[in-house]
Amino acid sequence: MQKISCITLTVLTESPIALSNDQGFGNYTPIKKFYFKDGIHAMTSVATFTYELRKCLFENFGWKLNDLTIKSSNSYFNNVEDLTEKNLEADVFGFLLPNDGVSKTSPLRVIPFVSATTYRGDTQLITNRGFLNLDLERNRFNEKGEEIPDEAVPSTQALANEEVFGDYYAYTVTIELDRIGMSEVAKGGDGKYHYVSPSERNYMPDELRIQAVQDILNALTILTRDIKHQRVLLKPLAVFGGAFDKVIPYFWDAVCLNEVQGETGLKLDLSVIEEVEAAYQLQGTIKAADKNLLVDKEAISTMPVQAIQQLAERLTIKNNDWYLKD
């Protein structure tokens, strides 16, 4: 068995719509974006990604989310020293207890969705036509509750513009395995939470710790995004990474798509992945991609979803250390 401390996966997915919108102003809704490398790329926030991941774990894997204390403008998790499945959310996604001044940074590190190509300024015009169409035989009322006759219904539609963008997106998830299912704070005799020394830290049962990481990995294979009345399956089209002894997101910027002469559509440039492997002398790297993204269909596995699932099945723990089964 190989001793490990980290799992890092860089995943390429695809969406026909932009995965995150800014707050907007007036009748205009822009996409969240930033300047990166060769131009303006669409992006999401870490909070957007972790929200969808929490929801997926709750809806599809039966996670019980933490109880909350809501006080004024602050909210924080309860019973963060609990070593049961009830505390998995706080343990994995981290927490801050402002009254006690203690926190746990998330052992789940994320570089959220970034589009593979640059935003080109596409927009679409949307209207409220469905509300004004008289053929739908709605009853309509004014602010006083008085019914409005058909001839009084405005014929001018309200217009709004929103930016639109469909593309490949890449994101990276890096998990600090040694901190999954480990209590870093405890309640003292004064009733407040305090940090505990490494020798005083307690752990959740091994089975629960392994299941938590397996659930996270499997959630990546069925992750969805609900936005603009649409639900998109963000299926992994390519995945690069693996289980390693250092907590480093090796492949976070190594997914490159290029046009290839004689081929239709963008193709993966595997030489960048190979350069990272060679530079850091990585062994046992996961490399898998949809065959439509490969020039050489025999170069690597063409089953990225199964590659992630198989990695999850190989995890085990012995004496609080993580290992990858042969």
Protein backbone atom coordinates (compact mmCIF):
# COMPACT_ATOMS: atom_id res chain seq x y z
CA MET A 1 0.00 0.00 0.00
CA GLN A 2 1.09 3.56 -0.74
CA LYS A 3 0.93 6.10 2.09
CA ILE A 4 -0.73 9.34 0.99
CA SER A 5 -1.69 12.74 2.42
CA CYS A 6 -3.57 14.34 -0.44
CA ILE A 7 -5.97 13.81 -3.28
CA THR A 8 -5.95 16.41 -6.01
CA LEU A 9 -8.10 16.27 -9.13
CA THR A 10 -8.27 18.79 -11.94
CA VAL A 11 -11.49 18.23 -13.86
CA LEU A 12 -12.60 19.49 -17.25
CA THR A 13 -16.33 19.80 -17.76
CA GLU A 14 -18.69 21.58 -20.14
CA SER A 15 -21.73 23.81 -19.80
CA PRO A 16 -24.01 25.36 -22.44
CA ILE A 17 -24.60 28.29 -20.10
CA ALA A 18 -22.37 30.47 -17.95
CA LEU A 19 -22.01 28.90 -14.50
CA SER A 20 -22.17 32.11 -12.51
CA ASN A 21 -23.70 35.56 -12.86
CA ASP A 22 -22.84 38.80 -11.15
CA GLN A 23 -25.48 40.60 -9.13
CA GLY A 24 -26.49 42.72 -12.10
CA PHE A 25 -27.79 46.26 -12.26
CA GLY A 26 -31.02 47.53 -13.72
CA ASN A 27 -32.09 45.35 -16.64
CA TYR A 28 -28.58 44.07 -17.36
CA THR A 29 -27.12 40.83 -15.95
CA PRO A 30 -23.40 40.26 -16.50
CA ILE A 31 -21.38 37.05 -16.11
CA LYS A 32 -18.74 36.81 -13.42
CA LYS A 33 -15.42 37.03 -15.18
CA PHE A 34 -11.81 38.09 -14.77
CA TYR A 35 -8.68 38.66 -16.83
CA PHE A 36 -6.51 35.55 -16.97
CA LYS A 37 -3.65 34.64 -19.32
CA ASP A 38 -4.97 35.36 -22.82
CA GLY A 39 -8.04 37.46 -22.02
CA ILE A 40 -11.35 37.68 -20.16
CA HIS A 41 -12.55 34.30 -18.84
CA ALA A 42 -15.82 33.37 -17.18
CA MET A 43 -15.47 32.16 -13.60
CA THR A 44 -17.35 31.22 -10.46
CA SER A 45 -16.64 31.90 -6.83
CA VAL A 46 -15.49 29.29 -4.32
CA ALA A 47 -18.81 29.80 -2.52
CA THR A 48 -20.76 28.92 -5.67
CA PHE A 49 -18.81 25.69 -6.10
CA THR A 50 -19.02 24.62 -2.45
CA TYR A 51 -22.74 25.43 -2.35
CA GLU A 52 -23.43 23.05 -5.23
CA LEU A 53 -21.16 20.40 -3.67
CA ARG A 54 -22.90 20.63 -0.28
CA LYS A 55 -26.28 20.36 -1.99
CA CYS A 56 -25.13 17.32 -3.96
CA LEU A 57 -23.82 15.60 -0.83
CA PHE A 58 -27.10 16.31 0.96
CA GLU A 59 -29.43 15.29 -1.87
CA ASN A 60 -27.56 12.28 -3.26
CA PHE A 61 -25.35 10.92 -0.48
CA GLY A 62 -27.49 11.45 2.61
CA TRP A 63 -25.23 13.92 4.41
CA LYS A 64 -26.80 15.46 7.50
CA LEU A 65 -25.85 19.13 7.49
CA ASN A 66 -24.86 20.92 10.68
CA ASP A 67 -27.26 22.80 12.92
CA LEU A 68 -26.79 26.57 12.84
CA THR A 69 -26.88 29.35 15.37
CA ILE A 70 -28.08 32.57 13.71
CA LYS A 71 -27.24 35.74 15.57
CA SER A 72 -27.73 39.15 14.01
CA SER A 73 -25.81 39.11 10.71
CA ASN A 74 -23.66 36.12 11.72
CA SER A 75 -24.37 32.41 11.53
CA TYR A 76 -22.15 29.58 12.69
CA PHE A 77 -22.19 25.83 13.19
CA ASN A 78 -23.13 24.16 16.45
CA ASN A 79 -21.29 21.30 18.18
CA VAL A 80 -18.19 21.47 16.01
CA GLU A 81 -16.37 19.01 18.28
CA ASP A 82 -18.91 16.28 17.47
CA LEU A 83 -17.23 13.22 15.91
CA THR A 84 -20.31 11.83 14.16
CA GLU A 85 -21.75 12.16 10.67
CA LYS A 86 -23.82 15.12 11.94
CA ASN A 87 -20.62 17.19 11.93
CA LEU A 88 -19.23 16.23 8.52
CA GLU A 89 -20.21 19.52 6.91
CA ALA A 90 -18.30 21.66 9.39
CA ASP A 91 -15.38 19.24 9.40
CA VAL A 92 -14.99 19.18 5.61
CA PHE A 93 -15.96 22.73 4.64
CA GLY A 94 -14.46 24.46 7.68
CA PHE A 95 -15.99 26.90 10.16
CA LEU A 96 -15.49 30.08 12.16
CA LEU A 97 -16.79 30.62 15.67
CA PRO A 98 -16.56 34.42 15.98
CA ASN A 99 -17.50 34.59 19.66
CA ASP A 100 -14.70 32.20 20.64
CA GLY A 101 -12.17 33.34 18.06
CA VAL A 102 -11.43 29.85 16.73
CA SER A 103 -11.84 28.30 13.31
CA LYS A 104 -11.01 25.32 11.14
CA THR A 105 -9.83 26.09 7.63
CA SER A 106 -11.37 23.73 5.14
CA PRO A 107 -9.33 20.63 4.29
CA LEU A 108 -11.20 20.75 0.98
CA ARG A 109 -9.37 23.30 -1.16
CA VAL A 110 -10.99 24.50 -4.37
CA ILE A 111 -9.97 26.39 -7.49
CA PRO A 112 -13.45 26.93 -8.92
CA PHE A 113 -14.72 26.85 -12.51
CA VAL A 114 -12.73 28.88 -15.06
CA SER A 115 -13.69 28.84 -18.72
CA ALA A 116 -11.21 27.29 -21.14
CA THR A 117 -11.68 30.00 -23.77
CA THR A 118 -12.24 33.72 -23.54
CA TYR A 119 -15.59 35.45 -23.29
CA ARG A 120 -16.61 37.03 -26.59
CA GLY A 121 -19.31 39.43 -25.48
CA ASP A 122 -22.40 37.45 -26.45
CA THR A 123 -25.72 38.67 -25.04
CA GLN A 124 -29.36 37.81 -25.35
CA LEU A 125 -32.52 39.90 -25.05
CA ILE A 126 -35.25 38.62 -22.73
CA THR A 127 -38.79 39.93 -22.27
CA ASN A 128 -41.89 39.45 -20.14
CA ARG A 129 -43.97 38.37 -23.14
CA GLY A 130 -45.41 35.36 -21.31
CA PHE A 131 -47.04 37.64 -18.74
CA LEU A 132 -48.60 39.95 -21.32
CA ASN A 133 -49.87 37.39 -23.83
CA LEU A 134 -53.67 37.69 -23.78
CA ASP A 135 -54.09 34.21 -25.30
CA LEU A 136 -53.10 32.71 -21.94
CA GLU A 137 -56.37 33.99 -20.43
CA ARG A 138 -54.89 35.29 -17.19
CA ASN A 139 -56.85 37.42 -14.74
CA ARG A 140 -54.86 40.61 -14.15
CA PHE A 141 -55.22 43.13 -11.33
CA ASN A 142 -53.86 46.54 -10.45
CA GLU A 143 -52.24 47.46 -7.14
CA LYS A 144 -55.67 48.05 -5.57
CA GLY A 145 -56.80 44.54 -6.44
CA GLU A 146 -59.13 45.74 -9.20
CA GLU A 147 -59.31 43.54 -12.29
CA ILE A 148 -57.72 45.03 -15.42
CA PRO A 149 -59.57 44.56 -18.72
CA ASP A 150 -57.63 43.18 -21.69
CA GLU A 151 -57.56 46.54 -23.46
CA ALA A 152 -55.73 48.07 -20.47
CA VAL A 153 -52.91 45.50 -20.45
CA PRO A 154 -49.67 47.18 -21.60
CA SER A 155 -48.61 46.18 -25.09
CA THR A 156 -45.01 47.27 -24.58
CA GLN A 157 -42.84 44.46 -23.25
CA ALA A 158 -40.24 45.00 -20.55
CA LEU A 159 -36.81 44.25 -21.98
CA ALA A 160 -33.65 43.03 -20.29
CA ASN A 161 -30.19 42.04 -21.50
CA GLU A 162 -28.04 39.28 -20.09
CA GLU A 163 -24.63 37.99 -21.06
CA VAL A 164 -24.53 34.39 -22.28
CA PHE A 165 -21.60 32.01 -22.63
CA GLY A 166 -21.19 28.27 -23.09
CA ASP A 167 -17.77 26.67 -22.85
CA TYR A 168 -15.48 24.06 -21.36
CA TYR A 169 -14.65 24.79 -17.72
CA ALA A 170 -11.81 23.47 -15.55
CA TYR A 171 -11.72 23.29 -11.77
CA THR A 172 -9.47 21.71 -9.14
CA VAL A 173 -10.34 20.01 -5.86
CA THR A 174 -7.54 19.24 -3.40
CA ILE A 175 -8.27 17.32 -0.19
CA GLU A 176 -5.98 17.37 2.85
CA LEU A 177 -6.72 13.82 3.91
CA ASP A 178 -5.03 13.96 7.32
CA ARG A 179 -7.42 16.73 8.43
CA ILE A 180 -10.63 14.99 7.32
CA GLY A 181 -12.58 13.77 10.35
CA MET A 182 -10.19 15.34 12.86
CA SER A 183 -11.21 17.68 15.66
CA GLU A 184 -8.97 20.73 15.94
CA VAL A 185 -10.99 22.52 18.63
CA ALA A 186 -12.72 21.41 21.83
CA LYS A 187 -14.96 23.02 24.42
CA GLY A 188 -13.11 23.87 27.61
CA GLY A 189 -14.26 24.18 31.20
CA ASP A 190 -15.20 27.82 30.59
CA GLY A 191 -17.78 26.71 28.03
CA LYS A 192 -15.81 28.20 25.14
CA TYR A 193 -14.05 26.49 22.27
CA HIS A 194 -10.25 26.37 22.27
CA TYR A 195 -7.64 24.97 19.92
CA VAL A 196 -6.19 21.63 21.02
CA SER A 197 -2.63 20.41 20.55
CA PRO A 198 -1.93 17.70 17.93
CA SER A 199 -1.55 15.06 20.65
CA GLU A 200 -5.04 15.88 22.01
CA ARG A 201 -6.87 15.72 18.71
CA ASN A 202 -9.57 13.12 18.25
CA TYR A 203 -10.78 11.43 15.09
CA MET A 204 -14.04 10.25 13.64
CA PRO A 205 -14.29 6.49 13.03
CA ASP A 206 -12.16 5.33 10.09
CA GLU A 207 -15.20 4.13 8.16
CA LEU A 208 -16.84 7.55 8.39
CA ARG A 209 -13.68 9.38 7.31
CA ILE A 210 -13.23 7.12 4.29
CA GLN A 211 -16.91 7.38 3.37
CA ALA A 212 -16.75 11.18 3.54
CA VAL A 213 -13.90 11.36 1.03
CA GLN A 214 -15.50 8.73 -1.20
CA ASP A 215 -18.74 10.72 -1.19
CA ILE A 216 -16.92 13.90 -2.18
CA LEU A 217 -15.14 12.17 -5.07
CA ASN A 218 -18.29 10.47 -6.29
CA ALA A 219 -20.19 13.76 -6.00
CA LEU A 220 -17.82 15.24 -8.58
CA THR A 221 -19.09 12.69 -11.10
CA ILE A 222 -22.71 13.85 -10.78
CA LEU A 223 -22.25 17.50 -9.80
CA THR A 224 -24.91 19.81 -11.18
CA ARG A 225 -25.46 23.54 -11.29
CA ASP A 226 -28.87 25.18 -11.02
CA ILE A 227 -28.86 28.58 -12.68
CA LYS A 228 -31.28 30.65 -14.77
CA HIS A 229 -34.04 28.03 -14.57
CA GLN A 230 -31.68 25.38 -15.93
CA ARG A 231 -29.97 22.37 -14.37
CA VAL A 232 -26.70 21.35 -16.00
CA LEU A 233 -24.87 18.08 -15.35
CA LEU A 234 -21.20 19.02 -15.04
CA LYS A 235 -19.97 15.58 -16.04
CA PRO A 236 -16.19 15.12 -15.96
CA LEU A 237 -14.96 15.10 -19.55
CA ALA A 238 -11.34 14.82 -18.44
CA VAL A 239 -9.59 14.34 -15.12
CA PHE A 240 -5.93 14.57 -14.14
CA GLY A 241 -4.45 14.10 -10.68
CA GLY A 242 -4.38 11.35 -8.11
CA ALA A 243 -3.33 10.55 -4.55
CA PHE A 244 0.04 11.89 -3.44
CA ASP A 245 2.20 12.44 -0.36
CA LYS A 246 2.15 16.24 -0.57
CA VAL A 247 -0.85 18.57 -0.52
CA ILE A 248 -0.24 20.23 -3.87
CA PRO A 249 -2.69 20.89 -6.75
CA TYR A 250 -0.18 19.78 -9.37
CA PHE A 251 -2.41 20.00 -12.45
CA TRP A 252 -4.51 23.09 -11.70
CA ASP A 253 -3.33 24.94 -14.85
CA ALA A 254 -2.25 21.96 -16.97
CA VAL A 255 -5.52 21.37 -18.86
CA CYS A 256 -4.98 22.91 -22.29
CA LEU A 257 -7.34 22.70 -25.26
CA ASN A 258 -6.11 23.51 -28.74
CA GLU A 259 -7.24 23.34 -32.33
CA VAL A 260 -5.52 20.50 -34.20
CA GLN A 261 -5.16 20.49 -37.96
CA GLY A 262 -7.33 17.83 -39.55
CA GLU A 263 -9.43 17.40 -36.39
CA THR A 264 -12.83 18.85 -35.54
CA GLY A 265 -13.33 20.62 -32.22
CA LEU A 266 -10.78 21.42 -29.53
CA LYS A 267 -8.40 18.68 -28.40
CA LEU A 268 -6.44 18.15 -25.19
CA ASP A 269 -2.73 18.86 -25.25
CA LEU A 270 -1.41 15.93 -23.19
CA SER A 271 2.18 17.15 -23.44
CA VAL A 272 1.44 19.73 -20.71
CA ILE A 273 0.24 16.95 -18.38
CA GLU A 274 3.36 14.93 -19.14
CA GLU A 275 5.58 17.93 -18.38
CA VAL A 276 4.01 18.27 -14.91
CA GLU A 277 4.47 14.55 -14.26
CA ALA A 278 8.11 14.71 -15.25
CA ALA A 279 8.86 17.93 -13.35
CA TYR A 280 7.55 16.54 -10.06
CA GLN A 281 8.36 12.86 -10.74
CA LEU A 282 4.77 11.86 -10.06
CA GLN A 283 3.80 8.20 -10.01
CA GLY A 284 0.36 6.66 -10.44
CA THR A 285 -1.21 9.75 -12.00
CA ILE A 286 -4.84 9.51 -13.05
CA LYS A 287 -5.21 10.51 -16.69
CA ALA A 288 -8.56 10.05 -18.37
CA ALA A 289 -10.56 11.96 -20.97
CA ASP A 290 -13.54 11.63 -23.24
CA LYS A 291 -12.44 10.16 -26.57
CA ASN A 292 -13.81 13.18 -28.43
CA LEU A 293 -11.14 15.33 -26.76
CA LEU A 294 -8.25 13.07 -27.76
CA VAL A 295 -6.27 12.95 -30.97
CA ASP A 296 -4.79 9.58 -30.02
CA LYS A 297 -7.71 7.53 -28.64
CA GLU A 298 -5.27 4.98 -27.16
CA ALA A 299 -3.11 7.50 -25.29
CA ILE A 300 -5.01 7.47 -21.99
CA SER A 301 -8.20 6.09 -20.50
CA THR A 302 -11.42 7.31 -22.10
CA MET A 303 -13.50 6.85 -18.92
CA PRO A 304 -12.95 9.85 -16.58
CA VAL A 305 -16.02 9.14 -14.41
CA GLN A 306 -14.87 5.58 -13.74
CA ALA A 307 -11.32 6.80 -13.02
CA ILE A 308 -12.62 8.98 -10.17
CA GLN A 309 -14.83 6.19 -8.83
CA GLN A 310 -11.95 3.71 -8.87
CA LEU A 311 -9.71 6.11 -6.94
CA ALA A 312 -12.40 6.43 -4.26
CA GLU A 313 -12.62 2.66 -3.87
CA ARG A 314 -8.87 2.33 -3.20
CA LEU A 315 -8.77 4.55 -0.09
CA THR A 316 -8.12 3.09 3.34
CA ILE A 317 -6.88 4.20 6.78
CA LYS A 318 -4.51 2.50 9.23
CA ASN A 319 -3.50 4.07 12.56
CA ASN A 320 -4.98 7.41 11.40
CA ASP A 321 -2.75 7.43 8.30
CA TRP A 322 -4.21 7.27 4.80
CA TYR A 323 -3.18 4.70 2.23
CA LEU A 324 -3.96 3.79 -1.36
CA LYS A 325 -4.68 0.11 -1.75
CA ASP A 326 -2.89 -1.71 -4.57
